[in-house]
Amino acid sequence: MRKPRVSPTVNTLQPVRRILGSVLDAVFTVAIMALLYGLIGYPLILKNNGYYETTAERKAFIEDPGLLSVNERGQYSYLEFRDYDENVDVFGYKTYEKITWEYFTVFLPAHPDYEFAPAKFGKTQGEKLTPFDASKREDAAYVGQWTYENFFKGDYYVAAKDGDGNPVYTATPVLNDATSASLANDKLQTARILRGFFNSYQTEKGAYIEAAKNLIAQPKIPAYDNLISQKQWLATIPSIVIAPILLYFVLPLVLPNGRSIGKIIVSGAVLNEQGFTARRGQIALRQAIPLALWMLLLIPMIYVGVMAFLFAIALLYIFVVMSPLKQGLGDRLAKTIVVNAKTSIWFRSEADLEAYIESHPNSLVAKSNNKDKQDHKYAPTKEEYGILDSSMIGQARESAKTIESFDEFESREDKREPIDADSLPKKPATEFIEEPKPEENASTLDDEETRFTDDKPQ
């Protein structure tokens, strides 16, 4: 794609400053989002859409079985008990034994909204659960046997027995003879081993951990989480929509040259591709791209929205760095560029530029914007070609002897005689003509020049 001809009186904004301006715009946008959320989202939406009631229901659903605790942020954690508390003569494993057994044999049968074997639940040891017959959830003996075989049976526990030595699955399992003897001989060490059977802190394994993970896998918990997230998302919609519209669309259309807060701080301005004042339609089309990016935050899954937003921003700045005119996607669609307002001079249109050049032929703008040079039709002098010969050096010496003032030197310079370009070495004109440099200090232009500019030079 051919690079458009840009007026040499404008200077594109450096990518680093452009990125800084975008970061500042984003910071102001997030600040306004937070303000709008505090004024609208939280008091008018979140408090009235059932968010707190749903959060309380979720907390109760998790805490009622007595296996987990939930903090104010809704995060749950395992319960921890000491191996042996000498002050009250209580073994930690006995507490774990009680809450684990009662969760499966007492709580679950009495609460049909909890499942015995949720689809996402599997033992951490990698063993398969014995299939549970849901039609027998009220059969205490069946439930007790299922619980014993899946969570208690092993090196330390056996099923309770009646007087005839038959297993009684409606009663809590008991320690086997070897473990009971070990507990009597070495209370602290055995208590530590038994506590590890229920809750191994380092590996997060054990009968109690399995029961807790059964609770975490209950399908109602993610259903509560989704409902809570949806209610939070609804409360953020006004701030996500209003703030970017104000800063990325309304403000650039109201302020001159498509400026935003960030562009004002870094001295940026939006012009068309030729370096003249951009139309409002161009600015609107350009600003539609960053506005659309902010709308990615409306994706209900907030982390997905944030990642998509950041990825799109990164792609846009790859466009900027690789573009000859440092244009982003919005600039390319709208045919605009971002220039440095401090080192650039621009006009409303090319007609205004030509009018100014015609009325100010000796101005800096006229010299830097000489169309004849850009079209390679200008017959340059020897000095402009950079050619020095003995005749030129001699002429310069003689001329220097008679110069009395700088004005006299200027007037003589305008009377130089052009040479025949065909007599010079055949090289592209671009090798001899130096690219015009933008004005570093716009104040050197006379006052009349600013009549044709859309803004005063910064």
Protein backbone atom coordinates (compact mmCIF):
# COMPACT_ATOMS: atom_id res chain seq x y z
CA MET A 1 0.00 0.00 0.00
CA ARG A 2 1.40 3.35 -1.04
CA LYS A 3 2.17 5.74 1.79
CA PRO A 4 -0.05 8.87 1.51
CA ARG A 5 1.65 12.22 0.94
CA VAL A 6 1.60 14.06 4.25
CA SER A 7 2.14 17.77 4.67
CA PRO A 8 5.71 18.31 5.88
CA THR A 9 4.44 20.88 8.37
CA VAL A 10 3.08 18.09 10.60
CA ASN A 11 4.99 15.58 12.69
CA THR A 12 3.46 12.23 13.74
CA LEU A 13 3.32 11.52 17.46
CA GLN A 14 5.95 9.08 18.71
CA PRO A 15 4.57 5.61 19.59
CA VAL A 16 5.84 5.86 23.17
CA ARG A 17 3.97 9.11 23.76
CA ARG A 18 0.94 7.70 22.02
CA ILE A 19 0.92 4.66 24.30
CA LEU A 20 1.34 6.96 27.32
CA GLY A 21 -1.68 8.97 26.17
CA SER A 22 -3.73 5.77 25.79
CA VAL A 23 -2.71 4.61 29.27
CA LEU A 24 -3.79 7.95 30.73
CA ASP A 25 -7.12 7.71 28.91
CA ALA A 26 -7.60 4.21 30.32
CA VAL A 27 -6.78 5.37 33.86
CA PHE A 28 -9.32 8.20 33.66
CA THR A 29 -11.89 5.80 32.18
CA VAL A 30 -11.46 3.28 35.00
CA ALA A 31 -11.69 6.09 37.55
CA ILE A 32 -14.98 7.28 36.06
CA MET A 33 -16.21 3.67 35.95
CA ALA A 34 -15.54 3.35 39.67
CA LEU A 35 -17.33 6.63 40.35
CA LEU A 36 -20.37 5.58 38.30
CA TYR A 37 -20.44 2.19 40.02
CA GLY A 38 -20.48 3.92 43.40
CA LEU A 39 -23.26 6.28 42.29
CA ILE A 40 -25.41 3.93 40.21
CA GLY A 41 -24.30 0.30 40.11
CA TYR A 42 -23.93 -0.45 43.81
CA PRO A 43 -26.74 1.54 45.46
CA LEU A 44 -29.38 1.29 42.71
CA ILE A 45 -28.74 -2.10 41.08
CA LEU A 46 -26.67 -4.44 43.26
CA LYS A 47 -28.63 -3.72 46.43
CA ASN A 48 -31.97 -4.26 44.69
CA ASN A 49 -31.36 -7.25 42.41
CA GLY A 50 -31.13 -9.93 45.11
CA TYR A 51 -27.35 -10.11 45.20
CA TYR A 52 -27.00 -10.14 48.99
CA GLU A 53 -29.85 -12.63 49.44
CA THR A 54 -28.23 -15.02 46.95
CA THR A 55 -24.85 -14.62 48.66
CA ALA A 56 -26.40 -15.49 52.03
CA GLU A 57 -28.11 -18.57 50.57
CA ARG A 58 -24.83 -19.78 49.10
CA LYS A 59 -23.03 -19.27 52.42
CA ALA A 60 -25.67 -21.24 54.29
CA PHE A 61 -25.63 -24.03 51.71
CA ILE A 62 -21.88 -24.49 52.26
CA GLU A 63 -21.76 -24.04 56.04
CA ASP A 64 -24.87 -25.98 57.08
CA PRO A 65 -23.26 -29.45 56.67
CA GLY A 66 -20.57 -28.40 59.17
CA LEU A 67 -17.61 -29.30 56.94
CA LEU A 68 -16.41 -25.90 55.70
CA SER A 69 -16.28 -22.28 56.79
CA VAL A 70 -17.00 -19.32 54.48
CA ASN A 71 -15.44 -15.86 54.88
CA GLU A 72 -16.96 -12.49 53.97
CA ARG A 73 -15.63 -12.74 50.41
CA GLY A 74 -17.41 -16.04 49.86
CA GLN A 75 -14.23 -18.15 49.95
CA TYR A 76 -14.52 -21.47 51.76
CA SER A 77 -11.80 -23.24 53.76
CA TYR A 78 -11.28 -26.58 55.50
CA LEU A 79 -11.72 -26.97 59.25
CA GLU A 80 -8.59 -27.74 61.27
CA PHE A 81 -8.42 -29.42 64.67
CA ARG A 82 -5.45 -30.18 66.89
CA ASP A 83 -4.19 -33.76 67.14
CA TYR A 84 -4.96 -33.77 70.86
CA ASP A 85 -6.15 -30.98 73.11
CA GLU A 86 -4.94 -31.77 76.63
CA ASN A 87 -6.99 -28.98 78.20
CA VAL A 88 -10.30 -30.58 77.29
CA ASP A 89 -8.99 -34.12 76.60
CA VAL A 90 -10.32 -34.11 73.02
CA PHE A 91 -8.75 -35.88 70.06
CA GLY A 92 -8.88 -34.06 66.75
CA TYR A 93 -9.53 -37.27 64.86
CA LYS A 94 -12.73 -37.85 66.87
CA THR A 95 -14.13 -34.51 65.68
CA TYR A 96 -13.23 -35.30 62.05
CA GLU A 97 -14.74 -38.78 62.47
CA LYS A 98 -18.03 -37.37 63.76
CA ILE A 99 -18.56 -34.63 61.13
CA THR A 100 -17.51 -36.90 58.25
CA TRP A 101 -19.82 -39.76 59.23
CA GLU A 102 -22.78 -37.51 60.02
CA TYR A 103 -22.42 -35.62 56.74
CA PHE A 104 -23.07 -38.75 54.71
CA THR A 105 -25.43 -40.65 57.02
CA VAL A 106 -27.47 -37.87 58.61
CA PHE A 107 -27.22 -34.62 56.67
CA LEU A 108 -27.37 -35.83 53.05
CA PRO A 109 -30.38 -38.15 53.51
CA ALA A 110 -32.30 -35.29 55.13
CA HIS A 111 -31.51 -32.77 52.39
CA PRO A 112 -32.62 -33.86 48.91
CA ASP A 113 -31.05 -30.78 47.28
CA TYR A 114 -27.60 -32.28 48.09
CA GLU A 115 -26.28 -35.21 46.05
CA PHE A 116 -24.44 -38.23 47.46
CA ALA A 117 -22.17 -38.61 44.45
CA PRO A 118 -21.98 -35.38 42.38
CA ALA A 119 -20.83 -35.83 38.80
CA LYS A 120 -17.61 -33.84 39.39
CA PHE A 121 -16.69 -35.64 42.60
CA GLY A 122 -13.93 -38.25 42.67
CA LYS A 123 -11.69 -39.47 45.47
CA THR A 124 -8.30 -37.73 45.56
CA GLN A 125 -6.52 -41.06 46.02
CA GLY A 126 -7.59 -41.97 42.50
CA GLU A 127 -9.87 -44.77 43.68
CA LYS A 128 -13.31 -45.16 42.19
CA LEU A 129 -16.38 -44.60 44.32
CA THR A 130 -18.82 -47.42 44.76
CA PRO A 131 -21.89 -46.45 42.70
CA PHE A 132 -24.64 -45.00 44.85
CA ASP A 133 -28.25 -46.07 44.33
CA ALA A 134 -30.21 -42.83 44.68
CA SER A 135 -33.43 -44.76 45.26
CA LYS A 136 -31.99 -45.98 48.59
CA ARG A 137 -30.90 -42.62 50.01
CA GLU A 138 -33.38 -43.02 52.88
CA ASP A 139 -32.16 -46.54 53.67
CA ALA A 140 -29.91 -45.91 56.69
CA ALA A 141 -28.16 -49.30 56.50
CA TYR A 142 -27.41 -48.92 52.79
CA VAL A 143 -26.14 -45.35 53.22
CA GLY A 144 -23.98 -46.37 56.21
CA GLN A 145 -22.44 -49.29 54.34
CA TRP A 146 -21.74 -47.09 51.28
CA THR A 147 -20.10 -44.46 53.50
CA TYR A 148 -18.00 -47.00 55.40
CA GLU A 149 -16.74 -48.77 52.29
CA ASN A 150 -15.83 -45.55 50.49
CA PHE A 151 -14.41 -43.37 53.28
CA PHE A 152 -13.60 -45.39 56.46
CA LYS A 153 -12.63 -48.92 55.50
CA GLY A 154 -8.88 -49.41 55.61
CA ASP A 155 -5.96 -49.72 58.03
CA TYR A 156 -7.55 -48.07 61.06
CA TYR A 157 -11.33 -48.53 61.06
CA VAL A 158 -13.75 -51.45 60.95
CA ALA A 159 -17.53 -51.51 60.88
CA ALA A 160 -19.29 -51.55 64.23
CA LYS A 161 -20.66 -54.98 65.22
CA ASP A 162 -23.63 -56.22 67.16
CA GLY A 163 -23.53 -58.86 69.87
CA ASP A 164 -23.35 -61.63 67.29
CA GLY A 165 -20.42 -60.08 65.48
CA ASN A 166 -22.46 -58.88 62.52
CA PRO A 167 -21.59 -55.47 61.04
CA VAL A 168 -23.90 -52.63 62.00
CA TYR A 169 -23.67 -49.96 59.30
CA THR A 170 -26.07 -47.58 61.00
CA ALA A 171 -23.47 -46.95 63.70
CA THR A 172 -20.21 -45.02 63.42
CA PRO A 173 -17.22 -47.24 62.47
CA VAL A 174 -14.76 -48.01 65.26
CA LEU A 175 -10.97 -48.33 65.50
CA ASN A 176 -9.61 -51.81 64.94
CA ASP A 177 -7.80 -53.64 67.75
CA ALA A 178 -4.29 -52.73 66.60
CA THR A 179 -5.06 -49.04 66.33
CA SER A 180 -6.82 -49.00 69.71
CA ALA A 181 -3.79 -50.64 71.34
CA SER A 182 -1.44 -48.16 69.67
CA LEU A 183 -3.58 -45.27 70.89
CA ALA A 184 -3.40 -46.59 74.45
CA ASN A 185 0.40 -46.99 74.33
CA ASP A 186 1.34 -43.83 72.41
CA LYS A 187 -1.54 -41.42 72.53
CA LEU A 188 0.04 -38.40 70.85
CA GLN A 189 1.71 -40.23 67.97
CA THR A 190 -1.35 -42.33 67.19
CA ALA A 191 -3.61 -39.29 67.44
CA ARG A 192 -1.42 -37.56 64.86
CA ILE A 193 -1.64 -40.56 62.53
CA LEU A 194 -5.41 -40.74 62.86
CA ARG A 195 -5.78 -37.02 62.29
CA GLY A 196 -3.76 -37.53 59.09
CA PHE A 197 -6.18 -40.28 58.05
CA PHE A 198 -8.94 -37.68 57.98
CA ASN A 199 -6.98 -34.56 57.05
CA SER A 200 -3.40 -34.64 55.80
CA TYR A 201 -2.56 -30.93 55.74
CA GLN A 202 0.30 -31.25 53.28
CA THR A 203 -1.39 -33.44 50.66
CA GLU A 204 -5.05 -32.48 51.21
CA LYS A 205 -6.09 -36.10 51.42
CA GLY A 206 -8.15 -38.02 53.90
CA ALA A 207 -11.71 -39.06 54.72
CA TYR A 208 -12.71 -35.60 55.94
CA ILE A 209 -11.15 -33.95 52.87
CA GLU A 210 -13.13 -36.34 50.65
CA ALA A 211 -16.34 -35.37 52.41
CA ALA A 212 -15.52 -31.68 52.06
CA LYS A 213 -14.74 -32.09 48.37
CA ASN A 214 -18.02 -33.93 47.95
CA LEU A 215 -19.70 -30.82 49.31
CA ILE A 216 -17.66 -28.49 47.07
CA ALA A 217 -18.67 -30.59 44.03
CA GLN A 218 -22.36 -30.11 44.72
CA PRO A 219 -23.90 -28.67 41.52
CA LYS A 220 -25.81 -25.98 43.40
CA ILE A 221 -22.58 -24.19 44.41
CA PRO A 222 -21.50 -23.28 40.84
CA ALA A 223 -25.14 -22.43 40.14
CA TYR A 224 -25.02 -19.95 43.04
CA ASP A 225 -21.65 -18.65 41.81
CA ASN A 226 -23.01 -18.04 38.31
CA LEU A 227 -26.08 -16.27 39.66
CA ILE A 228 -23.96 -14.05 41.91
CA SER A 229 -21.60 -13.22 39.03
CA GLN A 230 -24.57 -12.36 36.82
CA LYS A 231 -25.96 -9.97 39.41
CA GLN A 232 -22.54 -8.32 39.84
CA TRP A 233 -22.19 -8.02 36.05
CA LEU A 234 -25.59 -6.35 35.73
CA ALA A 235 -24.50 -3.76 38.29
CA THR A 236 -21.39 -2.87 36.27
CA ILE A 237 -23.13 -2.37 32.90
CA PRO A 238 -23.88 1.36 33.35
CA SER A 239 -20.29 2.20 34.30
CA ILE A 240 -18.78 0.01 31.54
CA VAL A 241 -20.98 1.63 28.89
CA ILE A 242 -21.17 5.27 30.00
CA ALA A 243 -17.53 5.96 30.93
CA PRO A 244 -15.94 4.87 27.59
CA ILE A 245 -18.66 6.64 25.59
CA LEU A 246 -17.92 9.89 27.42
CA LEU A 247 -14.12 9.73 27.20
CA TYR A 248 -13.58 7.91 23.91
CA PHE A 249 -16.45 9.19 21.79
CA VAL A 250 -18.19 12.30 23.09
CA LEU A 251 -15.08 14.13 24.29
CA PRO A 252 -13.04 13.70 21.05
CA LEU A 253 -16.02 14.96 19.03
CA VAL A 254 -16.47 18.00 21.27
CA LEU A 255 -12.81 18.97 21.65
CA PRO A 256 -10.85 20.24 18.60
CA ASN A 257 -8.92 17.76 16.49
CA GLY A 258 -10.26 14.60 18.16
CA ARG A 259 -8.45 15.19 21.43
CA SER A 260 -9.02 13.19 24.58
CA ILE A 261 -7.64 13.80 28.06
CA GLY A 262 -4.61 11.63 27.31
CA LYS A 263 -3.92 13.39 23.99
CA ILE A 264 -4.11 16.79 25.65
CA ILE A 265 -1.50 15.72 28.20
CA VAL A 266 0.91 14.26 25.61
CA SER A 267 0.16 17.02 23.02
CA GLY A 268 -1.50 14.78 20.45
CA ALA A 269 -4.01 15.77 17.78
CA VAL A 270 -5.96 13.81 15.15
CA LEU A 271 -5.71 14.97 11.50
CA ASN A 272 -6.53 13.34 8.19
CA GLU A 273 -3.90 11.36 6.32
CA GLN A 274 -2.70 14.43 4.40
CA GLY A 275 -2.08 16.40 7.60
CA PHE A 276 -5.17 18.63 7.38
CA THR A 277 -8.08 19.00 9.79
CA ALA A 278 -10.07 15.76 10.03
CA ARG A 279 -13.83 15.74 9.53
CA ARG A 280 -16.05 14.84 12.48
CA GLY A 281 -17.18 11.73 10.63
CA GLN A 282 -13.58 10.56 10.40
CA ILE A 283 -13.03 11.17 14.11
CA ALA A 284 -16.26 9.32 14.97
CA LEU A 285 -15.21 6.31 12.86
CA ARG A 286 -11.74 6.36 14.38
CA GLN A 287 -13.04 6.47 17.96
CA ALA A 288 -15.52 3.65 17.31
CA ILE A 289 -12.65 1.13 17.45
CA PRO A 290 -11.39 1.83 21.02
CA LEU A 291 -15.01 2.20 22.13
CA ALA A 292 -15.76 -1.28 20.77
CA LEU A 293 -12.75 -2.66 22.65
CA TRP A 294 -14.07 -1.35 25.94
CA MET A 295 -17.38 -3.05 25.23
CA LEU A 296 -15.54 -6.39 25.43
CA LEU A 297 -15.73 -5.90 29.21
CA LEU A 298 -19.47 -6.54 28.90
CA ILE A 299 -18.76 -10.24 28.39
CA PRO A 300 -20.50 -11.85 31.42
CA MET A 301 -17.37 -13.83 32.34
CA ILE A 302 -15.27 -10.92 33.58
CA TYR A 303 -11.89 -12.64 33.25
CA VAL A 304 -12.63 -13.58 29.64
CA GLY A 305 -13.66 -9.99 28.91
CA VAL A 306 -10.52 -8.53 30.48
CA MET A 307 -8.20 -10.94 28.64
CA ALA A 308 -9.95 -10.26 25.31
CA PHE A 309 -9.65 -6.51 25.93
CA LEU A 310 -5.93 -6.67 26.71
CA PHE A 311 -5.22 -8.95 23.74
CA ALA A 312 -7.05 -6.59 21.36
CA ILE A 313 -5.15 -3.58 22.75
CA ALA A 314 -1.84 -5.36 22.15
CA LEU A 315 -2.82 -6.10 18.53
CA LEU A 316 -3.76 -2.46 17.95
CA TYR A 317 -0.37 -1.21 19.08
CA ILE A 318 1.37 -3.74 16.88
CA PHE A 319 -0.49 -1.99 14.03
CA VAL A 320 0.77 1.37 15.27
CA VAL A 321 4.43 0.33 15.52
CA MET A 322 4.46 -1.35 12.11
CA SER A 323 2.62 1.43 10.28
CA PRO A 324 4.74 4.00 8.34
CA LEU A 325 2.50 6.79 9.61
CA LYS A 326 2.08 5.20 13.07
CA GLN A 327 -1.60 4.50 12.43
CA GLY A 328 -3.74 2.17 14.47
CA LEU A 329 -6.66 0.16 13.11
CA GLY A 330 -9.04 3.05 13.73
CA ASP A 331 -6.69 5.47 11.94
CA ARG A 332 -6.50 3.20 8.90
CA LEU A 333 -10.26 2.82 8.68
CA ALA A 334 -10.90 6.53 9.13
CA LYS A 335 -7.81 7.63 7.14
CA THR A 336 -6.43 9.72 10.01
CA ILE A 337 -3.09 10.20 11.75
CA VAL A 338 -2.07 11.36 15.23
CA VAL A 339 0.41 14.25 15.19
CA ASN A 340 2.50 16.10 17.73
CA ALA A 341 0.61 19.34 18.28
CA LYS A 342 3.69 21.10 19.66
CA THR A 343 5.85 20.61 16.58
CA SER A 344 3.16 20.63 13.90
CA ILE A 345 1.32 23.33 11.95
CA TRP A 346 -1.83 22.32 10.10
CA PHE A 347 -4.51 23.93 7.98
CA ARG A 348 -8.17 23.17 7.46
CA SER A 349 -7.60 22.02 3.90
CA GLU A 350 -5.05 21.96 1.11
CA ALA A 351 -6.76 25.01 -0.42
CA ASP A 352 -6.08 26.99 2.76
CA LEU A 353 -2.46 25.86 2.69
CA GLU A 354 -2.05 26.95 -0.94
CA ALA A 355 -3.67 30.29 -0.18
CA TYR A 356 -1.30 30.88 2.66
CA ILE A 357 1.75 29.93 0.59
CA GLU A 358 0.65 32.29 -2.15
CA SER A 359 0.28 35.18 0.28
CA HIS A 360 3.45 34.32 2.21
CA PRO A 361 5.95 33.01 -0.37
CA ASN A 362 8.98 33.54 1.89
CA SER A 363 7.47 31.95 5.03
CA LEU A 364 8.84 28.81 6.63
CA VAL A 365 5.65 26.96 5.72
CA ALA A 366 6.07 27.89 2.07
CA LYS A 367 9.69 26.73 2.00
CA SER A 368 8.98 23.41 3.71
CA ASN A 369 5.92 22.76 1.59
CA ASN A 370 7.31 23.61 -1.85
CA LYS A 371 5.22 21.51 -4.19
CA ASP A 372 7.63 21.92 -7.05
CA LYS A 373 10.33 20.19 -5.02
CA GLN A 374 8.02 17.36 -3.97
CA ASP A 375 6.98 16.79 -7.58
CA HIS A 376 10.69 16.89 -8.65
CA LYS A 377 10.04 19.69 -11.18
CA TYR A 378 12.20 22.26 -9.49
CA ALA A 379 15.53 23.20 -11.20
CA PRO A 380 17.89 23.24 -8.18
CA THR A 381 20.95 25.42 -7.83
CA LYS A 382 24.42 24.01 -7.34
CA GLU A 383 24.30 24.81 -3.63
CA GLU A 384 21.06 22.76 -3.17
CA TYR A 385 22.63 19.83 -4.98
CA GLY A 386 25.55 20.10 -2.57
CA ILE A 387 28.08 20.50 -5.43
CA LEU A 388 31.17 22.59 -4.75
CA ASP A 389 33.65 23.59 -7.44
CA SER A 390 36.38 26.23 -7.69
CA SER A 391 34.13 28.75 -9.43
CA MET A 392 31.54 28.57 -6.65
CA ILE A 393 34.15 28.97 -3.93
CA GLY A 394 35.63 31.98 -5.73
CA GLN A 395 32.20 33.55 -6.19
CA ALA A 396 31.41 33.05 -2.52
CA ARG A 397 34.65 34.76 -1.46
CA GLU A 398 34.04 37.77 -3.70
CA SER A 399 30.44 38.05 -2.56
CA ALA A 400 31.42 37.92 1.09
CA LYS A 401 33.69 40.96 0.69
CA THR A 402 30.79 43.19 -0.40
CA ILE A 403 28.05 41.99 1.99
CA GLU A 404 27.20 44.63 4.55
CA SER A 405 24.11 43.06 6.19
CA PHE A 406 22.16 39.80 6.47
CA ASP A 407 19.20 41.31 4.58
CA GLU A 408 21.50 42.01 1.63
CA PHE A 409 22.62 38.35 1.74
CA GLU A 410 18.99 37.20 1.72
CA SER A 411 18.13 39.35 -1.29
CA ARG A 412 21.14 38.02 -3.23
CA GLU A 413 20.20 34.46 -2.38
CA ASP A 414 16.83 34.90 -4.06
CA LYS A 415 18.59 35.93 -7.31
CA ARG A 416 20.56 32.72 -7.75
CA GLU A 417 20.52 31.37 -11.26
CA PRO A 418 19.26 27.83 -11.73
CA ILE A 419 21.37 25.30 -13.53
CA ASP A 420 20.38 22.72 -16.08
CA ALA A 421 19.54 19.58 -14.15
CA ASP A 422 20.21 17.42 -17.21
CA SER A 423 23.90 18.36 -17.06
CA LEU A 424 24.22 16.89 -13.55
CA PRO A 425 24.71 13.21 -12.65
CA LYS A 426 21.57 11.17 -13.23
CA LYS A 427 20.43 10.35 -9.68
CA PRO A 428 16.94 10.29 -8.19
CA ALA A 429 15.99 13.71 -6.94
CA THR A 430 15.30 12.25 -3.50
CA GLU A 431 19.05 11.67 -3.05
CA PHE A 432 19.75 15.39 -3.32
CA ILE A 433 16.70 17.02 -1.81
CA GLU A 434 16.63 16.96 1.93
CA GLU A 435 13.31 16.04 3.51
CA PRO A 436 11.74 19.22 4.97
CA LYS A 437 11.88 19.29 8.74
CA PRO A 438 8.85 20.31 10.84
CA GLU A 439 8.97 23.68 12.54
CA GLU A 440 10.42 23.41 16.01
CA ASN A 441 9.09 26.74 17.17
CA ALA A 442 5.83 27.84 15.64
CA SER A 443 6.25 31.30 17.14
CA THR A 444 8.69 32.22 14.33
CA LEU A 445 5.73 32.47 11.96
CA ASP A 446 4.11 35.86 11.67
CA ASP A 447 0.73 36.49 13.29
CA GLU A 448 -1.13 36.38 10.01
CA GLU A 449 -0.20 32.74 9.49
CA THR A 450 -2.36 31.48 12.35
CA ARG A 451 -5.50 32.63 10.54
CA PHE A 452 -5.34 29.56 8.36
CA THR A 453 -4.71 27.03 11.13
CA ASP A 454 -7.47 25.19 12.86
CA ASP A 455 -5.74 25.62 16.21
CA LYS A 456 -3.03 27.88 17.46
CA PRO A 457 0.35 26.15 17.51
CA GLN A 458 0.98 24.55 20.83
